[in-house]
Amino acid sequence: MNENSMYESSIKLKEPFFKLKHGVIYKCQIWTEGTYEDMHIIPLAFENGRNRQFVMIDAKRLYKEDPQFVKEIINMDFNYIWNDGLEREKPSDFTALTILCTTQRDGTMLDYSDSQFIGFEVINENL
């Protein structure tokens, strides 16, 4: 089964395998295009009854640029983000860097483009 098939089957699950703390900055690694790179993410809203969650990537930089707007995004629910709420509020990096992920049984997260997020470490709980 390829990664995209894993993503498609995982989003159909009624419950996630795990939940990272909502609204907290995590340091992790992302496996994409055959290499690992360091990344900072903020877990955002989960969809009720499915294994889908929005995640803000490059979150440390975005938080430094506009901490107030990042806090507003953290408070948005899944449907608001899904229905392009970010585009109405603030286009640019905030829209492009808020992605949809699914949790995996092995403690990783997978996005729609086959990138895998691993090794989550909390670096800032006080946003």
C-alpha atoms as a PDB file:
ATOM      1  CA  MET A   1       0.000   0.000   0.000  1.00  0.00           C
ATOM      2  CA  ASN A   2       1.543   3.355  -0.942  1.00  0.00           C
ATOM      3  CA  GLU A   3       1.546   6.361   1.423  1.00  0.00           C
ATOM      4  CA  ASN A   4      -1.339   8.118  -0.323  1.00  0.00           C
ATOM      5  CA  SER A   5      -3.470   5.002   0.075  1.00  0.00           C
ATOM      6  CA  MET A   6      -2.546   5.014   3.757  1.00  0.00           C
ATOM      7  CA  TYR A   7      -3.618   8.652   3.961  1.00  0.00           C
ATOM      8  CA  GLU A   8      -6.925   7.984   2.200  1.00  0.00           C
ATOM      9  CA  SER A   9      -7.755   4.983   4.381  1.00  0.00           C
ATOM     10  CA  SER A  10      -6.639   6.721   7.593  1.00  0.00           C
ATOM     11  CA  ILE A  11      -8.849   9.773   7.142  1.00  0.00           C
ATOM     12  CA  LYS A  12     -11.891   7.501   7.043  1.00  0.00           C
ATOM     13  CA  LEU A  13     -11.282   6.229  10.579  1.00  0.00           C
ATOM     14  CA  LYS A  14     -13.790   7.450  13.157  1.00  0.00           C
ATOM     15  CA  GLU A  15     -11.081   8.280  15.740  1.00  0.00           C
ATOM     16  CA  PRO A  16      -7.454   9.395  15.476  1.00  0.00           C
ATOM     17  CA  PHE A  17      -4.706   7.066  16.678  1.00  0.00           C
ATOM     18  CA  PHE A  18      -3.427   9.888  18.904  1.00  0.00           C
ATOM     19  CA  LYS A  19      -3.903  13.614  19.462  1.00  0.00           C
ATOM     20  CA  LEU A  20      -1.165  16.178  19.856  1.00  0.00           C
ATOM     21  CA  LYS A  21      -2.041  19.027  22.187  1.00  0.00           C
ATOM     22  CA  HIS A  22      -4.079  21.614  20.297  1.00  0.00           C
ATOM     23  CA  GLY A  23      -2.463  25.046  19.918  1.00  0.00           C
ATOM     24  CA  VAL A  24       1.046  24.092  21.093  1.00  0.00           C
ATOM     25  CA  ILE A  25       4.253  24.523  19.088  1.00  0.00           C
ATOM     26  CA  TYR A  26       6.016  21.215  18.468  1.00  0.00           C
ATOM     27  CA  LYS A  27       9.397  20.564  16.963  1.00  0.00           C
ATOM     28  CA  CYS A  28       9.421  17.493  14.724  1.00  0.00           C
ATOM     29  CA  GLN A  29      10.960  16.133  11.588  1.00  0.00           C
ATOM     30  CA  ILE A  30       9.266  15.810   8.255  1.00  0.00           C
ATOM     31  CA  TRP A  31      10.176  13.114   5.746  1.00  0.00           C
ATOM     32  CA  THR A  32       9.577  14.471   2.276  1.00  0.00           C
ATOM     33  CA  GLU A  33      11.155  13.829  -1.095  1.00  0.00           C
ATOM     34  CA  GLY A  34      13.582  11.287   0.366  1.00  0.00           C
ATOM     35  CA  THR A  35      15.041  13.418   3.147  1.00  0.00           C
ATOM     36  CA  TYR A  36      14.316  14.597   6.697  1.00  0.00           C
ATOM     37  CA  GLU A  37      14.135  18.232   7.679  1.00  0.00           C
ATOM     38  CA  ASP A  38      13.373  19.940  10.975  1.00  0.00           C
ATOM     39  CA  MET A  39       9.947  21.534  11.232  1.00  0.00           C
ATOM     40  CA  HIS A  40       7.838  23.409  13.774  1.00  0.00           C
ATOM     41  CA  ILE A  41       4.111  22.707  13.764  1.00  0.00           C
ATOM     42  CA  ILE A  42       1.004  23.736  15.652  1.00  0.00           C
ATOM     43  CA  PRO A  43      -1.811  21.158  15.762  1.00  0.00           C
ATOM     44  CA  LEU A  44      -5.095  22.890  14.970  1.00  0.00           C
ATOM     45  CA  ALA A  45      -8.672  21.624  14.788  1.00  0.00           C
ATOM     46  CA  PHE A  46      -9.631  17.949  14.428  1.00  0.00           C
ATOM     47  CA  GLU A  47     -12.687  16.962  12.422  1.00  0.00           C
ATOM     48  CA  ASN A  48     -15.303  15.317  14.628  1.00  0.00           C
ATOM     49  CA  GLY A  49     -15.821  11.651  13.804  1.00  0.00           C
ATOM     50  CA  ARG A  50     -12.801  11.354  11.468  1.00  0.00           C
ATOM     51  CA  ASN A  51      -9.045  11.071  11.604  1.00  0.00           C
ATOM     52  CA  ARG A  52      -8.346  14.456  10.001  1.00  0.00           C
ATOM     53  CA  GLN A  53      -6.650  17.446  11.569  1.00  0.00           C
ATOM     54  CA  PHE A  54      -5.375  20.760  10.301  1.00  0.00           C
ATOM     55  CA  VAL A  55      -1.757  21.483  11.169  1.00  0.00           C
ATOM     56  CA  MET A  56       0.151  24.733  10.744  1.00  0.00           C
ATOM     57  CA  ILE A  57       3.656  24.076   9.417  1.00  0.00           C
ATOM     58  CA  ASP A  58       6.590  26.513   9.688  1.00  0.00           C
ATOM     59  CA  ALA A  59       4.699  27.588  12.791  1.00  0.00           C
ATOM     60  CA  LYS A  60       7.584  29.144  14.697  1.00  0.00           C
ATOM     61  CA  ARG A  61       8.220  31.646  11.892  1.00  0.00           C
ATOM     62  CA  LEU A  62       4.527  32.421  11.417  1.00  0.00           C
ATOM     63  CA  TYR A  63       4.110  32.955  15.157  1.00  0.00           C
ATOM     64  CA  LYS A  64       7.021  35.420  15.191  1.00  0.00           C
ATOM     65  CA  GLU A  65       5.501  37.287  12.219  1.00  0.00           C
ATOM     66  CA  ASP A  66       1.967  37.594  13.581  1.00  0.00           C
ATOM     67  CA  PRO A  67       1.341  35.991  16.987  1.00  0.00           C
ATOM     68  CA  GLN A  68      -2.161  37.438  17.286  1.00  0.00           C
ATOM     69  CA  PHE A  69      -3.333  35.922  14.011  1.00  0.00           C
ATOM     70  CA  VAL A  70      -1.799  32.539  14.890  1.00  0.00           C
ATOM     71  CA  LYS A  71      -3.820  32.630  18.128  1.00  0.00           C
ATOM     72  CA  GLU A  72      -6.963  33.408  16.112  1.00  0.00           C
ATOM     73  CA  ILE A  73      -6.282  30.418  13.818  1.00  0.00           C
ATOM     74  CA  ILE A  74      -5.795  28.178  16.853  1.00  0.00           C
ATOM     75  CA  ASN A  75      -9.317  29.116  17.951  1.00  0.00           C
ATOM     76  CA  MET A  76     -10.907  28.328  14.563  1.00  0.00           C
ATOM     77  CA  ASP A  77     -12.897  25.114  14.276  1.00  0.00           C
ATOM     78  CA  PHE A  78     -12.359  22.495  11.592  1.00  0.00           C
ATOM     79  CA  ASN A  79     -15.293  23.525   9.402  1.00  0.00           C
ATOM     80  CA  TYR A  80     -14.294  27.189   9.412  1.00  0.00           C
ATOM     81  CA  ILE A  81     -10.782  26.359   8.203  1.00  0.00           C
ATOM     82  CA  TRP A  82     -12.142  23.745   5.742  1.00  0.00           C
ATOM     83  CA  ASN A  83     -14.498  26.306   4.206  1.00  0.00           C
ATOM     84  CA  ASP A  84     -11.630  28.691   3.423  1.00  0.00           C
ATOM     85  CA  GLY A  85     -11.939  30.783   6.551  1.00  0.00           C
ATOM     86  CA  LEU A  86      -8.221  31.505   6.450  1.00  0.00           C
ATOM     87  CA  GLU A  87      -8.394  32.904   2.929  1.00  0.00           C
ATOM     88  CA  ARG A  88     -11.080  35.348   4.002  1.00  0.00           C
ATOM     89  CA  GLU A  89      -9.080  36.368   7.051  1.00  0.00           C
ATOM     90  CA  LYS A  90      -5.510  36.479   5.778  1.00  0.00           C
ATOM     91  CA  PRO A  91      -4.221  35.044   2.520  1.00  0.00           C
ATOM     92  CA  SER A  92      -0.508  34.282   2.059  1.00  0.00           C
ATOM     93  CA  ASP A  93       1.668  31.913   4.025  1.00  0.00           C
ATOM     94  CA  PHE A  94      -1.014  31.278   6.626  1.00  0.00           C
ATOM     95  CA  THR A  95      -3.236  29.627   4.030  1.00  0.00           C
ATOM     96  CA  ALA A  96      -0.489  27.708   2.223  1.00  0.00           C
ATOM     97  CA  LEU A  97       1.092  26.501   5.458  1.00  0.00           C
ATOM     98  CA  THR A  98      -2.089  25.199   7.085  1.00  0.00           C
ATOM     99  CA  ILE A  99      -2.381  21.634   5.836  1.00  0.00           C
ATOM    100  CA  LEU A 100      -4.582  18.597   6.403  1.00  0.00           C
ATOM    101  CA  CYS A 101      -3.002  15.579   8.129  1.00  0.00           C
ATOM    102  CA  THR A 102      -4.025  12.208   9.489  1.00  0.00           C
ATOM    103  CA  THR A 103      -2.543  10.262  12.397  1.00  0.00           C
ATOM    104  CA  GLN A 104      -0.958   6.853  11.908  1.00  0.00           C
ATOM    105  CA  ARG A 105      -0.797   3.816  14.174  1.00  0.00           C
ATOM    106  CA  ASP A 106       3.004   4.188  14.470  1.00  0.00           C
ATOM    107  CA  GLY A 107       2.766   7.633  16.130  1.00  0.00           C
ATOM    108  CA  THR A 108       3.429   9.629  12.987  1.00  0.00           C
ATOM    109  CA  MET A 109       1.271  12.011  10.981  1.00  0.00           C
ATOM    110  CA  LEU A 110       0.844  11.892   7.235  1.00  0.00           C
ATOM    111  CA  ASP A 111      -0.254  14.706   4.942  1.00  0.00           C
ATOM    112  CA  TYR A 112      -2.049  14.523   1.609  1.00  0.00           C
ATOM    113  CA  SER A 113       1.223  14.818  -0.334  1.00  0.00           C
ATOM    114  CA  ASP A 114       2.883  11.792   1.306  1.00  0.00           C
ATOM    115  CA  SER A 115       5.024  13.787   3.752  1.00  0.00           C
ATOM    116  CA  GLN A 116       5.438  12.057   7.104  1.00  0.00           C
ATOM    117  CA  PHE A 117       5.836  13.947  10.398  1.00  0.00           C
ATOM    118  CA  ILE A 118       7.749  12.169  13.196  1.00  0.00           C
ATOM    119  CA  GLY A 119       9.397  12.772  16.589  1.00  0.00           C
ATOM    120  CA  PHE A 120       7.068  15.349  18.166  1.00  0.00           C
ATOM    121  CA  GLU A 121       8.582  17.424  20.989  1.00  0.00           C
ATOM    122  CA  VAL A 122       6.726  20.273  22.718  1.00  0.00           C
ATOM    123  CA  ILE A 123       8.736  23.492  22.618  1.00  0.00           C
ATOM    124  CA  ASN A 124       6.125  26.113  23.579  1.00  0.00           C
ATOM    125  CA  GLU A 125       2.861  25.527  25.407  1.00  0.00           C
ATOM    126  CA  ASN A 126       2.228  29.174  26.266  1.00  0.00           C
ATOM    127  CA  LEU A 127       0.949  30.807  23.102  1.00  0.00           C
END
